[in-house]
Amino acid sequence: MMCHTKGMRNILAAFMMCALGFAQSPPAADPPTEGEAPPIRVTTSVVIAPTTVRDRKGDFVDGLQLQDFTLLDNSKPQRITADVRDEPLSLVIAVQRSSNLTEILPKIQRIGSLLNDMIAGQDGEVAVIGFDHRIQVMQDFTTETEKVSEAMKKMTPGSSNHALVDVTMESIRMLQKRPANRRRILLLIAEKRDKGSEGRLRETLTQAEFANVAIYSLDISSVVAGLTSRAMPQPPPPIPATATVAPPGAAVTPTTVDQNYYNGNWVPLFVDIFKGVKGMFVDDTLDVFTRFTGGKEYSFISDKSLEKAVQGISEEIHSQYLLSYNPSNLNEGGFHDIKVVVNRSGLEVRTRPGYWVAARPE
């Protein structure tokens, strides 16, 4: 089931992403220090919350109506509007082809037709990008499965770097040019950590929201580790403990950060990304992209698990609800937490954590 916003074709260019800038006091704040980007301020009137609903067995729940949902923005109930209809997908597949993937790349190249058929579907269109430190469009948007497969097979291992943030930005720009009546999806097939990008994470996240792009990923880090005999411990939060926000009086330790992050409290992590905390090191770029845009990160270790991961992405995309609303509390600056509740018991509901809005000058 695919649910889309009523009037999506008429969404204004100021769509969605409330500024990554923060309230300044006084309004005429000191200029940014050297190397620090100025606040980004964007007006928004429509917010879309991609929402996945599963039952206790983990199966997707279909057939829910608008009245079955309650959406809270900063704990304030909002009026949801949505249009349930099947709209075609525009999908960009961005594949890492760095020099350390000599043995892995052939496995990925074989699933070109599977990605086209299962995710994009009959009315979908697909573009293919290969990247190391460079970004190469292997195939512009096409509806022909054979061209997608051929583009995947043309990729060869490149340099040692993989500019994950940069290729994400380029993919978003490509999707942004597609007609507004198409759902925009980016699939990143890459290692979780960026290596060599010139662009910045927060600007890329802003662009993803502005263009209404949902990001999914196939994390190949475990496969790389298996081939190089490197142990893969539990990944740490993308943001270090020293760059997170804890409740007043609470000590910020790696343990408390881990508990917050893995229990779903990602708000402090996104806060620090948008504040542009100096010296911040993002360990899992894929996870930040997918969580923030309402997508999901998948991993695989074999051909069979790779196909299963692709199937999982396909099922989620085609079973997702897109809940649209006009926030009634845009006068509240800072982070707006989004929470979606379904009026049925025993269901797991997942949506993106929220968005930013700049404080308005007095």
Foldseek 3Di string as FASTA:
>chain_A
DEWFAVPLLPADLLEDFAWLDAEDVPNPDDDDDPPDDHTDGTDYFKHKWKKFKAFLVRHTDDDDDQVQKWKAWLHHTFRWGIGGDDFFAEEEEEEEQAPLCQPPLVLVLVCQLVLLPLARHQRGWYWYWYFFLDIDTLGQTDNDSVSSSVSSVPDHHDHHFGAVLVNLQVLLVSLLPDRSRHQAEYEYEEAQFHGNHPDALVVSLSSCRSSLYAYEYEHAVVQSCVVVVNDDDDDAAQWDQVQFDDPPPDDRDSVVRRVCVVVPNCVRVSSSSSVVDPPTGGGGSNCVRNQQSFHYYHYDHDSVSVSVVSNVRSSRNVSIHIIMGGDPPLQDFFWIAMDMDGPDPRMDMGIHGTHGHYHDND
